[in-house]
């Protein structure tokens, strides 16, 4: 959680918060993309093992 006293006030404080949010958004997107890849691989392995 961000402590507002740590970021200061004004535009610089808001810019710092925006940068922090963007960095964490990108991190979350990368993690979800990796998770989607793992799920896709597991589904493919499951389908490969079934008669069809």
PDB file of N, CA and C in Angstrom:
ATOM      1  N   UNK A   1       0.840  -1.185   0.000  1.00  0.00           N
ATOM      2  CA  UNK A   1       0.000   0.000   0.000  1.00  0.00           C
ATOM      3  C   UNK A   1       0.877   1.237   0.000  1.00  0.00           C
ATOM      4  N   UNK A   2       0.474   2.223  -0.711  1.00  0.00           N
ATOM      5  CA  UNK A   2       1.246   3.461  -0.817  1.00  0.00           C
ATOM      6  C   UNK A   2       0.865   4.383   0.331  1.00  0.00           C
ATOM      7  N   UNK A   3       1.875   4.880   1.007  1.00  0.00           N
ATOM      8  CA  UNK A   3       1.654   5.856   2.067  1.00  0.00           C
ATOM      9  C   UNK A   3       1.746   7.242   1.440  1.00  0.00           C
ATOM     10  N   UNK A   4       0.667   7.990   1.476  1.00  0.00           N
ATOM     11  CA  UNK A   4       0.630   9.299   0.812  1.00  0.00           C
ATOM     12  C   UNK A   4       1.666  10.258   1.370  1.00  0.00           C
ATOM     13  N   UNK A   5       2.041  10.094   2.628  1.00  0.00           N
ATOM     14  CA  UNK A   5       3.062  10.970   3.191  1.00  0.00           C
ATOM     15  C   UNK A   5       4.423  10.725   2.549  1.00  0.00           C
ATOM     16  N   UNK A   6       4.631   9.536   2.005  1.00  0.00           N
ATOM     17  CA  UNK A   6       5.917   9.212   1.394  1.00  0.00           C
ATOM     18  C   UNK A   6       6.053   9.789  -0.012  1.00  0.00           C
ATOM     19  N   UNK A   7       4.964  10.014  -0.707  1.00  0.00           N
ATOM     20  CA  UNK A   7       5.058  10.456  -2.100  1.00  0.00           C
ATOM     21  C   UNK A   7       5.051  11.970  -2.243  1.00  0.00           C
ATOM     22  N   UNK A   8       4.832  12.660  -1.183  1.00  0.00           N
ATOM     23  CA  UNK A   8       4.818  14.117  -1.262  1.00  0.00           C
ATOM     24  C   UNK A   8       3.488  14.611  -1.793  1.00  0.00           C
ATOM     25  N   UNK A   9       3.512  15.832  -2.280  1.00  0.00           N
ATOM     26  CA  UNK A   9       2.271  16.399  -2.802  1.00  0.00           C
ATOM     27  C   UNK A   9       2.531  17.010  -4.168  1.00  0.00           C
ATOM     28  N   UNK A  10       1.472  17.360  -4.837  1.00  0.00           N
ATOM     29  CA  UNK A  10       1.583  18.023  -6.122  1.00  0.00           C
ATOM     30  C   UNK A  10       1.820  17.059  -7.262  1.00  0.00           C
ATOM     31  N   UNK A  11       2.191  17.629  -8.394  1.00  0.00           N
ATOM     32  CA  UNK A  11       2.335  16.862  -9.626  1.00  0.00           C
ATOM     33  C   UNK A  11       3.443  15.828  -9.537  1.00  0.00           C
ATOM     34  N   UNK A  12       4.547  16.149  -8.844  1.00  0.00           N
ATOM     35  CA  UNK A  12       5.631  15.176  -8.731  1.00  0.00           C
ATOM     36  C   UNK A  12       5.178  13.938  -7.971  1.00  0.00           C
ATOM     37  N   UNK A  13       4.401  14.127  -6.936  1.00  0.00           N
ATOM     38  CA  UNK A  13       3.891  12.993  -6.170  1.00  0.00           C
ATOM     39  C   UNK A  13       2.958  12.140  -7.008  1.00  0.00           C
ATOM     40  N   UNK A  14       2.087  12.782  -7.763  1.00  0.00           N
ATOM     41  CA  UNK A  14       1.169  12.042  -8.629  1.00  0.00           C
ATOM     42  C   UNK A  14       1.909  11.328  -9.751  1.00  0.00           C
ATOM     43  N   UNK A  15       2.941  11.952 -10.282  1.00  0.00           N
ATOM     44  CA  UNK A  15       3.735  11.319 -11.336  1.00  0.00           C
ATOM     45  C   UNK A  15       4.430  10.075 -10.789  1.00  0.00           C
ATOM     46  N   UNK A  16       4.927  10.161  -9.569  1.00  0.00           N
ATOM     47  CA  UNK A  16       5.582   9.005  -8.957  1.00  0.00           C
ATOM     48  C   UNK A  16       4.585   7.864  -8.763  1.00  0.00           C
ATOM     49  N   UNK A  17       3.394   8.192  -8.333  1.00  0.00           N
ATOM     50  CA  UNK A  17       2.362   7.171  -8.150  1.00  0.00           C
ATOM     51  C   UNK A  17       1.986   6.562  -9.495  1.00  0.00           C
ATOM     52  N   UNK A  18       1.835   7.389 -10.511  1.00  0.00           N
ATOM     53  CA  UNK A  18       1.483   6.892 -11.847  1.00  0.00           C
ATOM     54  C   UNK A  18       2.567   5.954 -12.378  1.00  0.00           C
ATOM     55  N   UNK A  19       3.825   6.286 -12.154  1.00  0.00           N
ATOM     56  CA  UNK A  19       4.915   5.422 -12.596  1.00  0.00           C
ATOM     57  C   UNK A  19       4.887   4.090 -11.846  1.00  0.00           C
ATOM     58  N   UNK A  20       4.629   4.134 -10.560  1.00  0.00           N
ATOM     59  CA  UNK A  20       4.563   2.915  -9.750  1.00  0.00           C
ATOM     60  C   UNK A  20       3.416   2.023 -10.235  1.00  0.00           C
ATOM     61  N   UNK A  21       2.270   2.632 -10.466  1.00  0.00           N
ATOM     62  CA  UNK A  21       1.100   1.876 -10.939  1.00  0.00           C
ATOM     63  C   UNK A  21       1.400   1.245 -12.295  1.00  0.00           C
ATOM     64  N   UNK A  22       1.993   1.990 -13.203  1.00  0.00           N
ATOM     65  CA  UNK A  22       2.297   1.470 -14.531  1.00  0.00           C
ATOM     66  C   UNK A  22       3.283   0.308 -14.459  1.00  0.00           C
ATOM     67  N   UNK A  23       4.295   0.437 -13.632  1.00  0.00           N
ATOM     68  CA  UNK A  23       5.274  -0.641 -13.490  1.00  0.00           C
ATOM     69  C   UNK A  23       4.609  -1.912 -12.973  1.00  0.00           C
ATOM     70  N   UNK A  24       3.739  -1.775 -11.995  1.00  0.00           N
ATOM     71  CA  UNK A  24       3.059  -2.942 -11.439  1.00  0.00           C
ATOM     72  C   UNK A  24       2.003  -3.497 -12.400  1.00  0.00           C
ATOM     73  N   UNK A  25       1.396  -2.647 -13.200  1.00  0.00           N
ATOM     74  CA  UNK A  25       0.451  -3.120 -14.215  1.00  0.00           C
ATOM     75  C   UNK A  25       1.180  -3.987 -15.229  1.00  0.00           C
ATOM     76  N   UNK A  26       2.337  -3.521 -15.673  1.00  0.00           N
ATOM     77  CA  UNK A  26       3.121  -4.291 -16.636  1.00  0.00           C
ATOM     78  C   UNK A  26       3.574  -5.614 -16.043  1.00  0.00           C
ATOM     79  N   UNK A  27       3.981  -5.609 -14.784  1.00  0.00           N
ATOM     80  CA  UNK A  27       4.388  -6.833 -14.110  1.00  0.00           C
ATOM     81  C   UNK A  27       3.225  -7.818 -14.041  1.00  0.00           C
ATOM     82  N   UNK A  28       2.056  -7.346 -13.669  1.00  0.00           N
ATOM     83  CA  UNK A  28       0.880  -8.218 -13.590  1.00  0.00           C
ATOM     84  C   UNK A  28       0.512  -8.763 -14.967  1.00  0.00           C
ATOM     85  N   UNK A  29       0.570  -7.932 -15.992  1.00  0.00           N
ATOM     86  CA  UNK A  29       0.262  -8.397 -17.341  1.00  0.00           C
ATOM     87  C   UNK A  29       1.235  -9.486 -17.783  1.00  0.00           C
ATOM     88  N   UNK A  30       2.511  -9.314 -17.473  1.00  0.00           N
ATOM     89  CA  UNK A  30       3.509 -10.330 -17.840  1.00  0.00           C
ATOM     90  C   UNK A  30       3.243 -11.636 -17.101  1.00  0.00           C
ATOM     91  N   UNK A  31       2.881 -11.543 -15.836  1.00  0.00           N
ATOM     92  CA  UNK A  31       2.593 -12.756 -15.061  1.00  0.00           C
ATOM     93  C   UNK A  31       1.350 -13.462 -15.583  1.00  0.00           C
ATOM     94  N   UNK A  32       0.316 -12.716 -15.940  1.00  0.00           N
ATOM     95  CA  UNK A  32      -0.889 -13.334 -16.491  1.00  0.00           C
ATOM     96  C   UNK A  32      -0.612 -13.963 -17.848  1.00  0.00           C
ATOM     97  N   UNK A  33       0.221 -13.327 -18.655  1.00  0.00           N
ATOM     98  CA  UNK A  33       0.580 -13.903 -19.946  1.00  0.00           C
ATOM     99  C   UNK A  33       1.332 -15.215 -19.752  1.00  0.00           C
ATOM    100  N   UNK A  34       2.243 -15.248 -18.796  1.00  0.00           N
ATOM    101  CA  UNK A  34       2.979 -16.481 -18.509  1.00  0.00           C
ATOM    102  C   UNK A  34       2.029 -17.562 -18.011  1.00  0.00           C
ATOM    103  N   UNK A  35       1.079 -17.187 -17.177  1.00  0.00           N
ATOM    104  CA  UNK A  35       0.101 -18.146 -16.672  1.00  0.00           C
ATOM    105  C   UNK A  35      -0.752 -18.687 -17.814  1.00  0.00           C
ATOM    106  N   UNK A  36      -1.172 -17.826 -18.733  1.00  0.00           N
ATOM    107  CA  UNK A  36      -1.945 -18.278 -19.891  1.00  0.00           C
ATOM    108  C   UNK A  36      -1.152 -19.285 -20.717  1.00  0.00           C
ATOM    109  N   UNK A  37       0.151 -19.047 -20.861  1.00  0.00           N
ATOM    110  CA  UNK A  37       0.994 -19.989 -21.590  1.00  0.00           C
ATOM    111  C   UNK A  37       1.050 -21.346 -20.900  1.00  0.00           C
ATOM    112  N   UNK A  38       1.199 -21.343 -19.583  1.00  0.00           N
ATOM    113  CA  UNK A  38       1.246 -22.597 -18.827  1.00  0.00           C
ATOM    114  C   UNK A  38      -0.084 -23.341 -18.962  1.00  0.00           C
ATOM    115  N   UNK A  39      -1.179 -22.626 -18.835  1.00  0.00           N
ATOM    116  CA  UNK A  39      -2.501 -23.254 -18.961  1.00  0.00           C
ATOM    117  C   UNK A  39      -2.684 -23.813 -20.365  1.00  0.00           C
ATOM    118  N   UNK A  40      -2.271 -23.065 -21.368  1.00  0.00           N
ATOM    119  CA  UNK A  40      -2.361 -23.545 -22.743  1.00  0.00           C
ATOM    120  C   UNK A  40      -1.539 -24.812 -22.948  1.00  0.00           C
ATOM    121  N   UNK A  41      -0.331 -24.840 -22.382  1.00  0.00           N
ATOM    122  CA  UNK A  41       0.514 -26.030 -22.489  1.00  0.00           C
ATOM    123  C   UNK A  41      -0.135 -27.226 -21.802  1.00  0.00           C
ATOM    124  N   UNK A  42      -0.706 -27.006 -20.629  1.00  0.00           N
ATOM    125  CA  UNK A  42      -1.356 -28.093 -19.907  1.00  0.00           C
ATOM    126  C   UNK A  42      -2.564 -28.630 -20.672  1.00  0.00           C
ATOM    127  N   UNK A  43      -3.336 -27.726 -21.259  1.00  0.00           N
ATOM    128  CA  UNK A  43      -4.485 -28.142 -22.058  1.00  0.00           C
ATOM    129  C   UNK A  43      -4.033 -28.944 -23.268  1.00  0.00           C
ATOM    130  N   UNK A  44      -2.953 -28.498 -23.909  1.00  0.00           N
ATOM    131  CA  UNK A  44      -2.429 -29.198 -25.081  1.00  0.00           C
ATOM    132  C   UNK A  44      -1.954 -30.599 -24.686  1.00  0.00           C
ATOM    133  N   UNK A  45      -1.243 -30.710 -23.556  1.00  0.00           N
ATOM    134  CA  UNK A  45      -0.797 -32.015 -23.084  1.00  0.00           C
ATOM    135  C   UNK A  45      -1.981 -32.926 -22.782  1.00  0.00           C
ATOM    136  N   UNK A  46      -3.013 -32.333 -22.197  1.00  0.00           N
ATOM    137  CA  UNK A  46      -4.224 -33.114 -21.881  1.00  0.00           C
ATOM    138  C   UNK A  46      -4.885 -33.613 -23.153  1.00  0.00           C
ATOM    139  N   UNK A  47      -4.988 -32.757 -24.147  1.00  0.00           N
ATOM    140  CA  UNK A  47      -5.608 -33.131 -25.423  1.00  0.00           C
ATOM    141  C   UNK A  47      -4.770 -34.140 -26.195  1.00  0.00           C
ATOM    142  N   UNK A  48      -3.451 -34.035 -26.100  1.00  0.00           N
ATOM    143  CA  UNK A  48      -2.571 -34.967 -26.788  1.00  0.00           C
ATOM    144  C   UNK A  48      -2.698 -36.374 -26.214  1.00  0.00           C
ATOM    145  N   UNK A  49      -3.018 -36.475 -24.952  1.00  0.00           N
ATOM    146  CA  UNK A  49      -3.110 -37.768 -24.305  1.00  0.00           C
ATOM    147  C   UNK A  49      -4.451 -38.449 -24.474  1.00  0.00           C
ATOM    148  N   UNK A  50      -5.439 -37.763 -25.014  1.00  0.00           N
ATOM    149  CA  UNK A  50      -6.782 -38.328 -25.176  1.00  0.00           C
ATOM    150  C   UNK A  50      -6.951 -38.877 -26.581  1.00  0.00           C
ATOM    151  N   UNK A  51      -7.653 -39.999 -26.685  1.00  0.00           N
ATOM    152  CA  UNK A  51      -7.944 -40.506 -28.034  1.00  0.00           C
ATOM    153  C   UNK A  51      -8.867 -39.539 -28.777  1.00  0.00           C
ATOM    154  N   UNK A  52      -8.647 -39.383 -30.015  1.00  0.00           N
ATOM    155  CA  UNK A  52      -9.497 -38.434 -30.698  1.00  0.00           C
ATOM    156  C   UNK A  52      -9.598 -38.678 -32.104  1.00  0.00           C
TER     157      UNK A  52
END
